[in-house]
Amino acid sequence: MTKEKKRKVTPQKTVEILKKHGTTVTLDEAKIILAMMYEFGKLAVNQDLIKGRH
């Protein structure tokens, strides 16, 4: 059974936010951006947890 991830920021919302700030991206590009941002988020949390152990 695969665990489906629920994400609050959709690719469409990402396109809208970036467009509002002068950057145009496609839905496919928005998906890549979001995937990268979620990975950065996981890395930041993991680093914080590791620092808390020392």
Protein backbone atom coordinates (compact mmCIF):
# COMPACT_ATOMS: atom_id res chain seq x y z
CA MET A 1 0.00 0.00 0.00
CA THR A 2 1.42 3.37 -1.01
CA LYS A 3 1.06 6.29 1.30
CA GLU A 4 -0.24 9.25 -0.67
CA LYS A 5 1.18 12.57 0.46
CA LYS A 6 -1.17 15.45 1.08
CA ARG A 7 0.35 18.79 0.30
CA LYS A 8 -1.26 22.12 1.00
CA VAL A 9 0.48 24.04 -1.77
CA THR A 10 -0.60 22.82 -5.20
CA PRO A 11 1.35 23.27 -8.43
CA GLN A 12 -1.43 25.59 -9.66
CA LYS A 13 -1.14 27.74 -6.53
CA THR A 14 2.63 27.85 -7.04
CA VAL A 15 2.14 29.10 -10.60
CA GLU A 16 -0.24 31.81 -9.33
CA ILE A 17 2.09 32.94 -6.52
CA LEU A 18 5.13 33.12 -8.77
CA LYS A 19 3.17 34.91 -11.51
CA LYS A 20 2.07 37.52 -8.97
CA HIS A 21 5.75 38.18 -8.29
CA GLY A 22 6.75 38.36 -11.95
CA THR A 23 7.94 34.81 -12.60
CA THR A 24 6.20 32.63 -15.17
CA VAL A 25 6.44 28.85 -14.82
CA THR A 26 4.53 25.91 -16.27
CA LEU A 27 2.63 23.40 -14.14
CA ASP A 28 5.40 20.85 -14.74
CA GLU A 29 8.02 23.33 -13.57
CA ALA A 30 5.88 24.15 -10.52
CA LYS A 31 5.75 20.44 -9.64
CA ILE A 32 9.55 20.27 -9.79
CA ILE A 33 9.89 23.44 -7.69
CA LEU A 34 7.52 22.05 -5.05
CA ALA A 35 9.29 18.69 -4.93
CA MET A 36 12.60 20.48 -4.39
CA MET A 37 11.14 22.76 -1.70
CA TYR A 38 9.65 19.81 0.19
CA GLU A 39 13.04 18.05 0.03
CA PHE A 40 14.74 21.18 1.40
CA GLY A 41 12.17 21.22 4.18
CA LYS A 42 12.88 17.61 5.11
CA LEU A 43 16.63 18.29 5.09
CA ALA A 44 16.19 21.32 7.35
CA VAL A 45 14.10 19.34 9.84
CA ASN A 46 16.59 16.46 9.83
CA GLN A 47 19.52 18.82 10.43
CA ASP A 48 17.65 20.47 13.29
CA LEU A 49 16.91 17.07 14.85
CA ILE A 50 20.55 15.99 14.53
CA LYS A 51 21.79 19.23 16.11
CA GLY A 52 19.35 18.75 18.97
CA ARG A 53 20.91 15.37 19.80
CA HIS A 54 24.39 16.78 20.43
